Amino acid sequence: MATRRRPPAHRPDADVWRCAAPVSLSPVTSTKATSRVATRVWPTGLQETPAGELSLRGHALGELAAAYGTPAYLLDIPDLVTRARSFRDEFAAAFEGIGTTCDVFYAGKAFLATPLVRLLDAEGLSLDVCSRGELAVAERAGFPAGRIGVHGNNKSAAEIDAAIDYGVGRIVVDSLEEIERVVAAARAHGVRVPVMLRVKTGVEAHTHEFIATAHEDQKFGFSLAGGQAAEAAAEVLAHPDQLQLLGFHSHIGSQIFDSDGFRVAAQRLIASQLQIAQEHGVVLPELDLGGGFGIAYLPSDEPLTPRDMAAQLAAIVLAACDEAGTPLPHVSVEPGRAIIGPAGITLYEVGTVKPVQATDDLVRHYISVDGGMSDNPRPALYQADYTATLANRPGSAQTAQSRVVGKHCESGDIVVRNQQLPDDVRPGDLLAVAATGAYCRSLASQYNHVPRPPVLAVSEDGVRTWLRRETIDDLLSLEGE
């Protein structure tokens, strides 16, 4: 049997993630010891100057707005690197402590761009992709194929062929039809493809129904309770020359702040893998617990740290294996939002401020900005909450109940639903919205033919454009004759 083609391992040096020479801006050298952004929702490099303006890694947000325009996504690169390393190191240490190993796959759906992929490679993380486009970004970055996992509930034959041709380390199959497609592609390439089975554990994660993914009545995976997972495992094992069954994969949801759901999922997964071993005489060596680790969008949110989550998941896997009497598997997890979400902010310019008599007792300030649901659809999709602050000056000590809204032709075009903001916010002011590194640019659209904002990588030595701002010419270039 031929071996899969693998490109040379890509090992960038410390600077290769930088996609262009940095644009140097005047640094801000003095900051207040405490400020309105000294909470966990903001990236660690965001500070308040003595004059009350915000700066990111020493670069005044007003100067960034003048140089790059608004809206703009800003990524605090040192913060991002610190988070990536924390997940890598804490999960490796926690699982080594119980006698096994753990890989951290960055979930590319949260946000993906070539320089980010190179950064992840440099930091030793693996990568999860779920479309041909995401795989193409990984290929362009030269990401090692063996550290790529491919997801998706409806992979086409072309997507599967491309993944196998690149030599990805695993494909997470989601249906019996997909097993047939992978078998056919493996035969065509003359290779044996490692696969995992995406399963529904029946765990009800305490999150919005649109981001809960392990209950029965939804599109992902094979049911454990209904016997579908056992049927799928038997089908994979019936093709030993084309498929290698690594184990089960589960994802119970997103924005999860405790490990209770993972405990139940791990117990059910390990018990099911034991059943497969007993019936087929094949020990499944791996287990993927997915991601969904929550972040703070509001100051009141209290997510687990990577160290605490790693320690709790390691203890959960150890206890489940002890109870089942099975050897410890190699484990993998898939954080995306938890790595990049808190490192990002979005910078907007205020266009209008409209006091509205919301109730007999409440006048609400509707603050319209120059973006909205096209650059952050999450509030419209599932009522996601965000935190905002005035970025170019401190503002009045008096506050007003405010709603930050976008410029699109929808009443649901809301960026921040309810927050106390200075009552003197006026046109031309800048607003910063926290925790927008994940699922904002990746979900962004061109609704109302509004071009998508740039993604700017900010560090002490300058600013680099990871993704440029779209233009009207970009939009028109898609039209036919």
Protein backbone atom coordinates (compact mmCIF):
# COMPACT_ATOMS: atom_id res chain seq x y z
CA MET A 1 0.00 0.00 0.00
CA ALA A 2 1.42 3.37 -0.99
CA THR A 3 2.07 6.00 1.64
CA ARG A 4 0.29 9.33 1.59
CA ARG A 5 2.09 12.29 0.07
CA ARG A 6 3.22 14.74 2.74
CA PRO A 7 4.79 18.12 2.06
CA PRO A 8 7.96 19.02 3.94
CA ALA A 9 7.35 20.09 7.52
CA HIS A 10 7.06 23.87 7.75
CA ARG A 11 9.06 25.37 10.59
CA PRO A 12 8.91 29.14 10.38
CA ASP A 13 11.22 31.37 12.33
CA ALA A 14 9.90 33.85 14.84
CA ASP A 15 9.11 36.50 12.21
CA VAL A 16 7.57 34.50 9.36
CA TRP A 17 3.95 35.08 10.47
CA ARG A 18 4.38 38.72 9.57
CA CYS A 19 2.94 39.00 6.09
CA ALA A 20 4.31 42.45 5.32
CA ALA A 21 6.66 45.03 6.75
CA PRO A 22 5.08 46.73 9.76
CA VAL A 23 3.70 50.24 9.52
CA SER A 24 5.27 52.19 12.37
CA LEU A 25 3.08 54.60 14.29
CA SER A 26 3.92 56.97 17.08
CA PRO A 27 4.07 54.92 20.30
CA VAL A 28 2.23 55.90 23.45
CA THR A 29 4.68 55.40 26.28
CA SER A 30 2.65 56.32 29.36
CA THR A 31 -0.53 54.62 30.53
CA LYS A 32 -2.78 54.72 33.54
CA ALA A 33 -2.31 52.01 36.14
CA THR A 34 -6.02 51.23 36.03
CA SER A 35 -8.57 51.98 33.34
CA ARG A 36 -11.99 51.18 31.98
CA VAL A 37 -10.45 48.36 29.91
CA ALA A 38 -8.76 46.56 32.82
CA THR A 39 -11.18 43.62 32.73
CA ARG A 40 -10.89 40.15 31.21
CA VAL A 41 -13.00 41.04 28.16
CA TRP A 42 -10.23 43.18 26.67
CA PRO A 43 -6.89 42.05 25.22
CA THR A 44 -3.95 42.49 27.56
CA GLY A 45 -2.27 45.05 25.29
CA LEU A 46 -5.18 47.51 25.39
CA GLN A 47 -4.53 50.38 27.77
CA GLU A 48 -5.77 53.86 28.58
CA THR A 49 -3.48 56.87 28.19
CA PRO A 50 -3.39 59.68 30.77
CA ALA A 51 -5.54 61.69 28.38
CA GLY A 52 -8.19 58.97 28.36
CA GLU A 53 -7.57 57.65 24.84
CA LEU A 54 -7.13 53.92 24.32
CA SER A 55 -3.99 52.40 22.81
CA LEU A 56 -3.18 48.87 21.67
CA ARG A 57 0.42 47.77 22.22
CA GLY A 58 1.40 51.42 22.40
CA HIS A 59 -0.49 52.53 19.26
CA ALA A 60 -3.28 55.05 19.84
CA LEU A 61 -6.59 53.80 18.47
CA GLY A 62 -7.31 57.22 17.03
CA GLU A 63 -4.09 57.05 15.05
CA LEU A 64 -4.96 53.53 13.84
CA ALA A 65 -8.38 54.77 12.73
CA ALA A 66 -6.80 57.68 10.85
CA ALA A 67 -4.26 55.41 9.14
CA TYR A 68 -6.49 52.43 8.29
CA GLY A 69 -10.08 53.67 8.48
CA THR A 70 -13.04 52.17 10.28
CA PRO A 71 -14.51 49.69 10.86
CA ALA A 72 -11.39 47.65 11.47
CA TYR A 73 -10.64 44.41 13.25
CA LEU A 74 -7.55 44.72 15.47
CA LEU A 75 -5.66 41.69 16.78
CA ASP A 76 -3.31 41.94 19.75
CA ILE A 77 -0.59 39.58 18.52
CA PRO A 78 1.36 39.12 21.78
CA ASP A 79 -1.94 38.34 23.53
CA LEU A 80 -2.83 35.82 20.81
CA VAL A 81 0.58 34.10 21.03
CA THR A 82 0.34 33.90 24.82
CA ARG A 83 -3.07 32.23 24.61
CA ALA A 84 -1.93 29.75 21.96
CA ARG A 85 1.10 28.78 24.05
CA SER A 86 -1.00 28.49 27.18
CA PHE A 87 -3.36 25.96 25.57
CA ARG A 88 -0.44 24.05 24.06
CA ASP A 89 1.55 23.86 27.29
CA GLU A 90 -1.25 23.42 29.82
CA PHE A 91 -2.97 20.59 27.97
CA ALA A 92 0.33 18.84 27.28
CA ALA A 93 1.30 19.06 30.96
CA ALA A 94 -2.10 18.00 32.31
CA PHE A 95 -2.35 14.89 30.14
CA GLU A 96 1.29 13.99 30.61
CA GLY A 97 0.48 14.08 34.31
CA ILE A 98 -2.03 11.23 33.90
CA GLY A 99 0.20 9.23 31.57
CA THR A 100 -0.94 10.14 28.07
CA THR A 101 -0.65 12.87 25.45
CA CYS A 102 -2.89 15.61 24.09
CA ASP A 103 -2.89 17.63 20.85
CA VAL A 104 -4.46 21.07 20.58
CA PHE A 105 -6.15 21.66 17.21
CA TYR A 106 -6.94 25.30 16.53
CA ALA A 107 -10.50 25.44 15.11
CA GLY A 108 -10.02 27.37 11.89
CA LYS A 109 -13.70 28.29 11.62
CA ALA A 110 -13.17 30.91 14.35
CA PHE A 111 -10.88 32.93 12.08
CA LEU A 112 -8.36 31.92 9.46
CA ALA A 113 -5.70 33.69 7.42
CA THR A 114 -2.34 32.61 6.07
CA PRO A 115 -0.19 34.57 8.58
CA LEU A 116 -2.25 33.18 11.46
CA VAL A 117 -1.72 29.63 10.21
CA ARG A 118 2.04 30.26 10.06
CA LEU A 119 1.94 31.59 13.60
CA LEU A 120 0.06 28.48 14.79
CA ASP A 121 2.62 26.28 13.06
CA ALA A 122 5.47 28.13 14.75
CA GLU A 123 3.79 27.55 18.11
CA GLY A 124 3.34 23.82 17.48
CA LEU A 125 -0.46 23.68 17.38
CA SER A 126 -2.47 21.46 15.04
CA LEU A 127 -5.22 22.79 12.77
CA ASP A 128 -8.85 21.88 12.19
CA VAL A 129 -10.42 22.86 8.86
CA CYS A 130 -13.90 22.23 7.51
CA SER A 131 -13.95 23.36 3.88
CA ARG A 132 -11.86 23.39 0.73
CA GLY A 133 -11.20 27.09 1.27
CA GLU A 134 -9.87 26.58 4.79
CA LEU A 135 -7.66 23.74 3.57
CA ALA A 136 -6.37 26.02 0.79
CA VAL A 137 -5.27 28.57 3.39
CA ALA A 138 -3.40 25.84 5.27
CA GLU A 139 -1.76 24.69 2.04
CA ARG A 140 -0.75 28.23 1.15
CA ALA A 141 0.84 28.63 4.57
CA GLY A 142 2.72 25.35 4.17
CA PHE A 143 1.13 23.93 7.31
CA PRO A 144 2.25 20.32 7.94
CA ALA A 145 -0.43 18.03 6.51
CA GLY A 146 -0.10 15.47 9.29
CA ARG A 147 -1.23 18.06 11.84
CA ILE A 148 -4.44 18.90 9.96
CA GLY A 149 -7.87 17.46 10.75
CA VAL A 150 -10.78 17.86 8.32
CA HIS A 151 -14.31 18.38 9.60
CA GLY A 152 -17.74 19.07 8.13
CA ASN A 153 -21.11 17.36 7.95
CA ASN A 154 -21.32 17.31 4.15
CA LYS A 155 -17.85 17.02 2.63
CA SER A 156 -17.95 16.75 -1.14
CA ALA A 157 -15.99 14.17 -3.08
CA ALA A 158 -13.76 17.01 -4.32
CA GLU A 159 -13.06 18.22 -0.78
CA ILE A 160 -12.22 14.72 0.39
CA ASP A 161 -9.96 14.18 -2.62
CA ALA A 162 -8.09 17.42 -1.93
CA ALA A 163 -7.61 16.51 1.74
CA ILE A 164 -6.26 13.06 0.91
CA ASP A 165 -4.06 14.44 -1.84
CA TYR A 166 -2.48 16.88 0.65
CA GLY A 167 -2.03 14.03 3.15
CA VAL A 168 -4.05 15.31 6.11
CA GLY A 169 -3.61 13.53 9.41
CA ARG A 170 -7.27 12.66 9.85
CA ILE A 171 -10.74 13.09 8.41
CA VAL A 172 -13.65 13.29 10.84
CA VAL A 173 -16.46 11.48 9.03
CA ASP A 174 -20.04 12.47 9.69
CA SER A 175 -22.28 10.09 7.69
CA LEU A 176 -22.38 6.70 6.01
CA GLU A 177 -22.34 8.42 2.62
CA GLU A 178 -19.13 10.18 3.64
CA ILE A 179 -17.52 6.89 4.59
CA GLU A 180 -18.23 5.68 1.04
CA ARG A 181 -16.66 8.84 -0.41
CA VAL A 182 -13.51 8.49 1.70
CA VAL A 183 -13.18 4.80 0.77
CA ALA A 184 -13.47 5.65 -2.93
CA ALA A 185 -10.92 8.47 -2.69
CA ALA A 186 -8.52 6.32 -0.67
CA ARG A 187 -8.68 3.61 -3.36
CA ALA A 188 -8.06 6.18 -6.07
CA HIS A 189 -4.98 7.52 -4.26
CA GLY A 190 -3.76 4.12 -3.11
CA VAL A 191 -3.54 5.15 0.53
CA ARG A 192 -4.98 4.25 3.92
CA VAL A 193 -6.72 7.24 5.49
CA PRO A 194 -6.97 7.81 9.26
CA VAL A 195 -10.54 8.70 10.24
CA MET A 196 -12.51 9.55 13.34
CA LEU A 197 -16.27 9.24 13.76
CA ARG A 198 -18.20 12.35 14.79
CA VAL A 199 -20.74 11.17 17.35
CA LYS A 200 -23.64 12.69 19.24
CA THR A 201 -23.27 11.95 22.93
CA GLY A 202 -26.68 13.31 23.92
CA VAL A 203 -25.14 15.95 26.19
CA GLU A 204 -27.18 19.14 26.44
CA ALA A 205 -24.64 21.96 26.69
CA HIS A 206 -25.92 25.05 28.50
CA THR A 207 -25.68 27.41 25.55
CA HIS A 208 -27.80 28.86 22.74
CA GLU A 209 -29.58 26.18 20.73
CA PHE A 210 -27.81 27.25 17.53
CA ILE A 211 -24.37 26.49 19.02
CA ALA A 212 -25.25 23.35 20.99
CA THR A 213 -24.03 20.43 18.89
CA ALA A 214 -24.26 17.13 20.80
CA HIS A 215 -28.01 16.70 21.33
CA GLU A 216 -29.90 14.27 19.13
CA ASP A 217 -32.09 16.62 17.07
CA GLN A 218 -29.40 18.33 14.95
CA LYS A 219 -27.35 17.70 11.85
CA PHE A 220 -23.95 16.62 13.16
CA GLY A 221 -22.65 13.12 13.70
CA PHE A 222 -23.76 9.58 14.47
CA SER A 223 -26.00 8.86 17.44
CA LEU A 224 -24.50 6.79 20.24
CA ALA A 225 -27.87 5.99 21.77
CA GLY A 226 -29.48 4.95 18.49
CA GLY A 227 -26.71 2.57 17.47
CA GLN A 228 -25.64 4.66 14.48
CA ALA A 229 -22.10 5.11 15.81
CA ALA A 230 -21.64 1.36 16.21
CA GLU A 231 -22.93 0.81 12.66
CA ALA A 232 -20.55 3.46 11.30
CA ALA A 233 -17.61 1.93 13.17
CA ALA A 234 -18.39 -1.47 11.70
CA GLU A 235 -18.53 0.07 8.22
CA VAL A 236 -15.14 1.75 8.65
CA LEU A 237 -13.57 -1.44 10.02
CA ALA A 238 -14.93 -3.34 7.01
CA HIS A 239 -12.46 -1.42 4.83
CA PRO A 240 -9.09 -2.00 6.56
CA ASP A 241 -7.07 -1.34 3.39
CA GLN A 242 -8.60 2.09 2.88
CA LEU A 243 -9.51 3.33 6.38
CA GLN A 244 -7.87 3.39 9.80
CA LEU A 245 -10.34 4.05 12.62
CA LEU A 246 -8.62 6.24 15.21
CA GLY A 247 -11.55 6.77 17.56
CA PHE A 248 -14.59 8.90 18.32
CA HIS A 249 -14.96 12.65 18.12
CA SER A 250 -17.47 14.75 20.04
CA HIS A 251 -18.30 18.44 20.20
CA ILE A 252 -20.93 19.35 22.75
CA GLY A 253 -21.36 23.05 21.95
CA SER A 254 -19.82 26.48 22.32
CA GLN A 255 -19.34 29.13 25.01
CA ILE A 256 -19.09 26.50 27.77
CA PHE A 257 -17.92 27.72 31.17
CA ASP A 258 -17.62 24.44 33.08
CA SER A 259 -16.53 20.86 32.49
CA ASP A 260 -19.70 19.01 33.53
CA GLY A 261 -20.82 18.32 29.96
CA PHE A 262 -17.36 17.04 29.03
CA ARG A 263 -17.52 14.59 31.96
CA VAL A 264 -20.70 12.96 30.67
CA ALA A 265 -19.48 13.01 27.06
CA ALA A 266 -16.13 11.39 27.95
CA GLN A 267 -17.80 8.63 29.95
CA ARG A 268 -20.12 7.78 27.05
CA LEU A 269 -17.38 8.00 24.43
CA ILE A 270 -14.95 5.77 26.31
CA ALA A 271 -17.64 3.22 27.12
CA SER A 272 -18.62 3.13 23.44
CA GLN A 273 -15.02 2.73 22.29
CA LEU A 274 -14.68 -0.16 24.73
CA GLN A 275 -17.76 -1.77 23.19
CA ILE A 276 -16.18 -1.46 19.72
CA ALA A 277 -12.99 -3.10 21.03
CA GLN A 278 -14.94 -5.99 22.53
CA GLU A 279 -17.04 -6.58 19.41
CA HIS A 280 -14.33 -6.15 16.79
CA GLY A 281 -11.10 -6.82 18.65
CA VAL A 282 -9.72 -3.38 17.73
CA VAL A 283 -8.58 -0.91 20.39
CA LEU A 284 -9.30 2.64 19.26
CA PRO A 285 -6.24 4.67 20.24
CA GLU A 286 -7.60 8.23 20.18
CA LEU A 287 -10.38 10.38 21.58
CA ASP A 288 -11.34 13.95 20.63
CA LEU A 289 -13.37 15.96 23.13
CA GLY A 290 -13.87 18.93 20.80
CA GLY A 291 -13.75 22.54 21.91
CA GLY A 292 -16.34 25.13 22.79
CA PHE A 293 -14.43 26.61 25.73
CA GLY A 294 -16.07 29.91 26.61
CA ILE A 295 -14.58 33.39 26.78
CA ALA A 296 -15.63 36.59 28.53
CA TYR A 297 -17.82 38.84 26.42
CA LEU A 298 -19.14 40.69 29.48
CA PRO A 299 -17.22 41.68 32.63
CA SER A 300 -19.46 39.32 34.60
CA ASP A 301 -18.42 36.26 32.53
CA GLU A 302 -16.02 33.88 34.32
CA PRO A 303 -14.59 31.30 31.90
CA LEU A 304 -12.15 28.65 33.04
CA THR A 305 -8.48 29.28 32.40
CA PRO A 306 -6.62 26.92 30.04
CA ARG A 307 -4.84 25.44 33.07
CA ASP A 308 -8.08 24.75 34.93
CA MET A 309 -9.85 23.35 31.87
CA ALA A 310 -6.89 21.12 31.01
CA ALA A 311 -6.62 19.80 34.56
CA GLN A 312 -10.34 19.08 34.75
CA LEU A 313 -10.49 17.33 31.37
CA ALA A 314 -7.44 15.22 32.18
CA ALA A 315 -9.05 14.14 35.45
CA ILE A 316 -12.29 13.36 33.62
CA VAL A 317 -10.56 11.14 31.04
CA LEU A 318 -8.54 9.34 33.71
CA ALA A 319 -11.63 8.62 35.81
CA ALA A 320 -13.66 7.44 32.81
CA CYS A 321 -10.89 5.08 31.66
CA ASP A 322 -10.43 3.72 35.19
CA GLU A 323 -14.16 3.08 35.45
CA ALA A 324 -14.27 1.34 32.06
CA GLY A 325 -11.00 -0.54 32.63
CA THR A 326 -9.51 0.71 29.36
CA PRO A 327 -6.07 2.12 28.54
CA LEU A 328 -5.74 5.88 28.28
CA PRO A 329 -6.20 7.12 24.70
CA HIS A 330 -4.32 9.90 23.01
CA VAL A 331 -6.60 12.92 23.43
CA SER A 332 -7.21 15.99 21.31
CA VAL A 333 -9.16 19.19 21.88
CA GLU A 334 -10.19 21.96 19.49
CA PRO A 335 -10.23 25.48 20.92
CA GLY A 336 -10.72 28.30 18.43
CA ARG A 337 -12.64 31.13 20.04
CA ALA A 338 -10.74 30.68 23.32
CA ILE A 339 -7.43 31.32 21.56
CA ILE A 340 -8.23 34.19 19.22
CA GLY A 341 -11.51 35.67 20.49
CA PRO A 342 -10.19 37.71 23.43
CA ALA A 343 -7.22 38.98 21.38
CA GLY A 344 -9.48 40.90 18.99
CA ILE A 345 -11.39 44.16 19.11
CA THR A 346 -13.39 46.02 16.47
CA LEU A 347 -12.97 49.75 16.07
CA TYR A 348 -15.93 51.79 14.78
CA GLU A 349 -16.71 55.45 14.17
CA VAL A 350 -19.96 56.90 15.49
CA GLY A 351 -22.20 58.43 12.81
CA THR A 352 -25.39 59.41 14.63
CA VAL A 353 -26.73 59.44 18.19
CA LYS A 354 -30.51 59.28 18.52
CA PRO A 355 -32.31 59.49 21.90
CA VAL A 356 -35.38 57.25 21.78
CA GLN A 357 -38.19 57.08 24.34
CA ALA A 358 -37.95 53.31 24.87
CA THR A 359 -40.45 53.19 27.77
CA ASP A 360 -42.25 55.74 29.93
CA ASP A 361 -39.24 55.76 32.23
CA LEU A 362 -36.35 55.17 29.84
CA VAL A 363 -34.70 57.21 27.13
CA ARG A 364 -32.28 54.97 25.25
CA HIS A 365 -29.44 56.37 23.16
CA TYR A 366 -29.20 54.63 19.80
CA ILE A 367 -25.57 55.04 18.75
CA SER A 368 -25.13 54.20 15.07
CA VAL A 369 -21.68 53.12 13.88
CA ASP A 370 -20.19 52.61 10.43
CA GLY A 371 -20.40 48.82 10.51
CA GLY A 372 -22.86 46.40 12.06
CA MET A 373 -24.28 43.00 11.26
CA SER A 374 -22.15 42.64 8.13
CA ASP A 375 -18.96 42.59 10.23
CA ASN A 376 -20.49 40.99 13.35
CA PRO A 377 -23.68 38.97 12.75
CA ARG A 378 -23.53 37.13 16.08
CA PRO A 379 -25.98 39.40 17.97
CA ALA A 380 -28.51 38.97 15.14
CA LEU A 381 -27.87 35.22 14.81
CA TYR A 382 -28.14 34.21 18.46
CA GLN A 383 -28.50 37.28 20.63
CA ALA A 384 -24.81 37.39 21.52
CA ASP A 385 -23.81 40.07 24.01
CA TYR A 386 -20.80 42.35 23.68
CA THR A 387 -19.05 45.11 25.62
CA ALA A 388 -18.12 48.49 24.13
CA THR A 389 -16.28 51.56 25.30
CA LEU A 390 -15.49 55.04 24.04
CA ALA A 391 -12.01 54.78 22.53
CA ASN A 392 -10.81 58.28 21.60
CA ARG A 393 -11.51 60.09 24.89
CA PRO A 394 -12.82 59.31 28.38
CA GLY A 395 -16.28 60.85 27.91
CA SER A 396 -18.63 62.25 30.47
CA ALA A 397 -18.91 60.77 33.94
CA GLN A 398 -22.68 60.77 33.38
CA THR A 399 -23.90 57.73 31.47
CA ALA A 400 -26.96 56.83 29.45
CA GLN A 401 -28.57 53.51 28.68
CA SER A 402 -27.26 52.93 25.17
CA ARG A 403 -27.65 50.55 22.26
CA VAL A 404 -24.88 50.39 19.67
CA VAL A 405 -26.41 49.67 16.25
CA GLY A 406 -25.15 49.29 12.72
CA LYS A 407 -25.86 51.01 9.43
CA HIS A 408 -27.75 48.16 7.74
CA CYS A 409 -31.39 48.07 6.73
CA GLU A 410 -32.51 45.74 9.53
CA SER A 411 -33.97 46.61 12.92
CA GLY A 412 -32.05 43.63 14.28
CA ASP A 413 -28.75 45.20 13.20
CA ILE A 414 -27.42 45.48 16.76
CA VAL A 415 -23.79 45.42 17.87
CA VAL A 416 -24.20 45.94 21.64
CA ARG A 417 -27.73 45.51 22.93
CA ASN A 418 -27.60 47.29 26.26
CA GLN A 419 -24.78 49.14 27.96
CA GLN A 420 -24.19 52.26 29.97
CA LEU A 421 -22.01 54.57 27.87
CA PRO A 422 -21.09 58.25 28.41
CA ASP A 423 -24.07 60.47 27.70
CA ASP A 424 -21.94 62.78 25.55
CA VAL A 425 -21.05 60.24 22.84
CA ARG A 426 -21.24 62.20 19.57
CA PRO A 427 -20.65 61.77 15.83
CA GLY A 428 -16.97 61.30 15.04
CA ASP A 429 -16.21 59.48 18.28
CA LEU A 430 -14.60 56.05 18.16
CA LEU A 431 -16.07 52.99 19.86
CA ALA A 432 -14.13 49.80 20.59
CA VAL A 433 -16.03 46.51 20.94
CA ALA A 434 -14.31 43.72 22.88
CA ALA A 435 -13.74 40.02 22.14
CA THR A 436 -14.36 40.12 18.39
CA GLY A 437 -11.39 38.00 17.30
CA ALA A 438 -13.56 34.94 16.69
CA TYR A 439 -16.61 34.46 14.46
CA CYS A 440 -16.78 38.09 13.34
CA ARG A 441 -14.55 38.31 10.26
CA SER A 442 -15.17 34.62 9.55
CA LEU A 443 -18.97 35.15 9.55
CA ALA A 444 -18.83 38.58 7.93
CA SER A 445 -20.88 39.32 4.81
CA GLN A 446 -21.26 42.05 2.20
CA TYR A 447 -24.85 42.79 3.16
CA ASN A 448 -26.07 46.04 1.60
CA HIS A 449 -22.89 45.84 -0.52
CA VAL A 450 -20.78 47.03 2.39
CA PRO A 451 -17.16 45.89 1.94
CA ARG A 452 -15.67 43.86 4.76
CA PRO A 453 -13.18 45.52 7.15
CA PRO A 454 -9.45 44.79 7.30
CA VAL A 455 -7.77 42.58 9.90
CA LEU A 456 -4.78 44.37 11.40
CA ALA A 457 -2.12 42.55 13.42
CA VAL A 458 -0.84 44.89 16.12
CA SER A 459 2.34 44.47 18.15
CA GLU A 460 4.86 46.78 19.80
CA ASP A 461 6.93 47.06 16.63
CA GLY A 462 4.12 48.06 14.31
CA VAL A 463 0.94 47.13 12.49
CA ARG A 464 0.60 44.59 9.69
CA THR A 465 -2.34 44.01 7.41
CA TRP A 466 -3.35 40.35 7.63
CA LEU A 467 -6.43 40.90 5.48
CA ARG A 468 -6.90 44.14 3.58
CA ARG A 469 -10.11 46.12 3.49
CA GLU A 470 -12.43 45.15 0.67
CA THR A 471 -13.31 47.84 -1.84
CA ILE A 472 -16.28 48.65 -4.04
CA ASP A 473 -14.15 47.45 -6.97
CA ASP A 474 -13.84 44.06 -5.22
CA LEU A 475 -17.62 43.81 -5.03
CA LEU A 476 -18.17 44.82 -8.64
CA SER A 477 -15.46 42.45 -9.88
CA LEU A 478 -17.73 39.49 -9.09
CA GLU A 479 -20.35 40.55 -11.61
CA GLY A 480 -20.64 38.95 -15.02
CA GLU A 481 -21.08 40.76 -18.30
